[in-house]
Amino acid sequence: MTTITYRHTGRTHSSLPPSATFVPLITRIVDRWQQWRSERELESLSDDIRKDIGWPAINEAKNSKVQR
């Protein structure tokens, strides 16, 4: 008679393919790219339109970063 025992090694075997581990990284990259693109579109608007929607002027945004 043969006895087979299972020794738990602490490792977990994921059924996900190796490419699935890159999904969070790719998601962050896409989010940053979309944010950058949105900011570029807002910066391309005229000063009057940016003021109407509450977007700070370019010189105000730069000064707020320096004061921190």
C-alpha atoms as a PDB file:
ATOM      1  CA  MET A   1       0.000   0.000   0.000  1.00  0.00           C
ATOM      2  CA  THR A   2       1.302   3.475  -0.960  1.00  0.00           C
ATOM      3  CA  THR A   3       0.560   6.625   1.003  1.00  0.00           C
ATOM      4  CA  ILE A   4       0.779   9.996  -0.752  1.00  0.00           C
ATOM      5  CA  THR A   5       0.952  13.085   1.391  1.00  0.00           C
ATOM      6  CA  TYR A   6       0.654  16.708   0.350  1.00  0.00           C
ATOM      7  CA  ARG A   7       3.107  19.182   1.797  1.00  0.00           C
ATOM      8  CA  HIS A   8       1.933  22.787   1.689  1.00  0.00           C
ATOM      9  CA  THR A   9       4.811  24.974   0.495  1.00  0.00           C
ATOM     10  CA  GLY A  10       3.096  28.326   0.878  1.00  0.00           C
ATOM     11  CA  ARG A  11       3.098  28.958  -2.850  1.00  0.00           C
ATOM     12  CA  THR A  12      -0.145  29.525  -4.617  1.00  0.00           C
ATOM     13  CA  HIS A  13      -0.588  28.440  -8.161  1.00  0.00           C
ATOM     14  CA  SER A  14      -2.569  30.938 -10.118  1.00  0.00           C
ATOM     15  CA  SER A  15      -4.714  29.805 -12.999  1.00  0.00           C
ATOM     16  CA  LEU A  16      -4.203  33.202 -14.665  1.00  0.00           C
ATOM     17  CA  PRO A  17      -1.928  33.406 -17.676  1.00  0.00           C
ATOM     18  CA  PRO A  18       1.382  35.237 -17.194  1.00  0.00           C
ATOM     19  CA  SER A  19       0.177  38.125 -19.359  1.00  0.00           C
ATOM     20  CA  ALA A  20      -2.603  38.864 -16.835  1.00  0.00           C
ATOM     21  CA  THR A  21      -0.037  40.130 -14.336  1.00  0.00           C
ATOM     22  CA  PHE A  22       0.648  43.072 -16.646  1.00  0.00           C
ATOM     23  CA  VAL A  23      -2.970  44.217 -16.706  1.00  0.00           C
ATOM     24  CA  PRO A  24      -2.678  46.565 -13.672  1.00  0.00           C
ATOM     25  CA  LEU A  25       0.458  48.133 -15.126  1.00  0.00           C
ATOM     26  CA  ILE A  26      -1.147  48.619 -18.523  1.00  0.00           C
ATOM     27  CA  THR A  27      -4.262  50.054 -16.878  1.00  0.00           C
ATOM     28  CA  ARG A  28      -2.177  52.638 -14.989  1.00  0.00           C
ATOM     29  CA  ILE A  29      -0.310  53.596 -18.152  1.00  0.00           C
ATOM     30  CA  VAL A  30      -3.564  54.058 -20.084  1.00  0.00           C
ATOM     31  CA  ASP A  31      -5.082  56.113 -17.241  1.00  0.00           C
ATOM     32  CA  ARG A  32      -2.048  58.412 -17.096  1.00  0.00           C
ATOM     33  CA  TRP A  33      -2.044  58.819 -20.880  1.00  0.00           C
ATOM     34  CA  GLN A  34      -5.745  59.751 -20.889  1.00  0.00           C
ATOM     35  CA  GLN A  35      -5.183  62.214 -18.044  1.00  0.00           C
ATOM     36  CA  TRP A  36      -2.277  63.806 -19.920  1.00  0.00           C
ATOM     37  CA  ARG A  37      -4.370  64.032 -23.098  1.00  0.00           C
ATOM     38  CA  SER A  38      -7.272  65.654 -21.213  1.00  0.00           C
ATOM     39  CA  GLU A  39      -4.970  68.207 -19.629  1.00  0.00           C
ATOM     40  CA  ARG A  40      -3.473  69.017 -23.032  1.00  0.00           C
ATOM     41  CA  GLU A  41      -6.966  69.592 -24.443  1.00  0.00           C
ATOM     42  CA  LEU A  42      -7.875  71.865 -21.527  1.00  0.00           C
ATOM     43  CA  GLU A  43      -4.636  73.805 -21.883  1.00  0.00           C
ATOM     44  CA  SER A  44      -5.368  74.358 -25.572  1.00  0.00           C
ATOM     45  CA  LEU A  45      -8.630  76.158 -24.769  1.00  0.00           C
ATOM     46  CA  SER A  46      -8.694  79.953 -24.703  1.00  0.00           C
ATOM     47  CA  ASP A  47      -8.176  81.763 -21.400  1.00  0.00           C
ATOM     48  CA  ASP A  48     -11.802  82.900 -21.278  1.00  0.00           C
ATOM     49  CA  ILE A  49     -13.203  79.392 -21.661  1.00  0.00           C
ATOM     50  CA  ARG A  50     -10.783  77.966 -19.077  1.00  0.00           C
ATOM     51  CA  LYS A  51     -11.772  80.711 -16.644  1.00  0.00           C
ATOM     52  CA  ASP A  52     -15.473  79.974 -17.239  1.00  0.00           C
ATOM     53  CA  ILE A  53     -15.064  76.283 -16.382  1.00  0.00           C
ATOM     54  CA  GLY A  54     -12.849  77.011 -13.372  1.00  0.00           C
ATOM     55  CA  TRP A  55      -9.534  75.757 -14.790  1.00  0.00           C
ATOM     56  CA  PRO A  56      -6.612  77.790 -13.366  1.00  0.00           C
ATOM     57  CA  ALA A  57      -4.489  79.947 -15.618  1.00  0.00           C
ATOM     58  CA  ILE A  58      -1.078  78.564 -16.569  1.00  0.00           C
ATOM     59  CA  ASN A  59       0.844  81.027 -14.382  1.00  0.00           C
ATOM     60  CA  GLU A  60      -1.467  80.339 -11.398  1.00  0.00           C
ATOM     61  CA  ALA A  61      -0.921  76.595 -11.692  1.00  0.00           C
ATOM     62  CA  LYS A  62       2.849  76.976 -11.769  1.00  0.00           C
ATOM     63  CA  ASN A  63       2.856  79.319  -8.758  1.00  0.00           C
ATOM     64  CA  SER A  64       0.756  76.937  -6.663  1.00  0.00           C
ATOM     65  CA  LYS A  65       3.296  74.159  -7.182  1.00  0.00           C
ATOM     66  CA  VAL A  66       6.203  76.372  -6.148  1.00  0.00           C
ATOM     67  CA  GLN A  67       4.551  77.499  -2.894  1.00  0.00           C
ATOM     68  CA  ARG A  68       4.069  73.957  -1.586  1.00  0.00           C
END
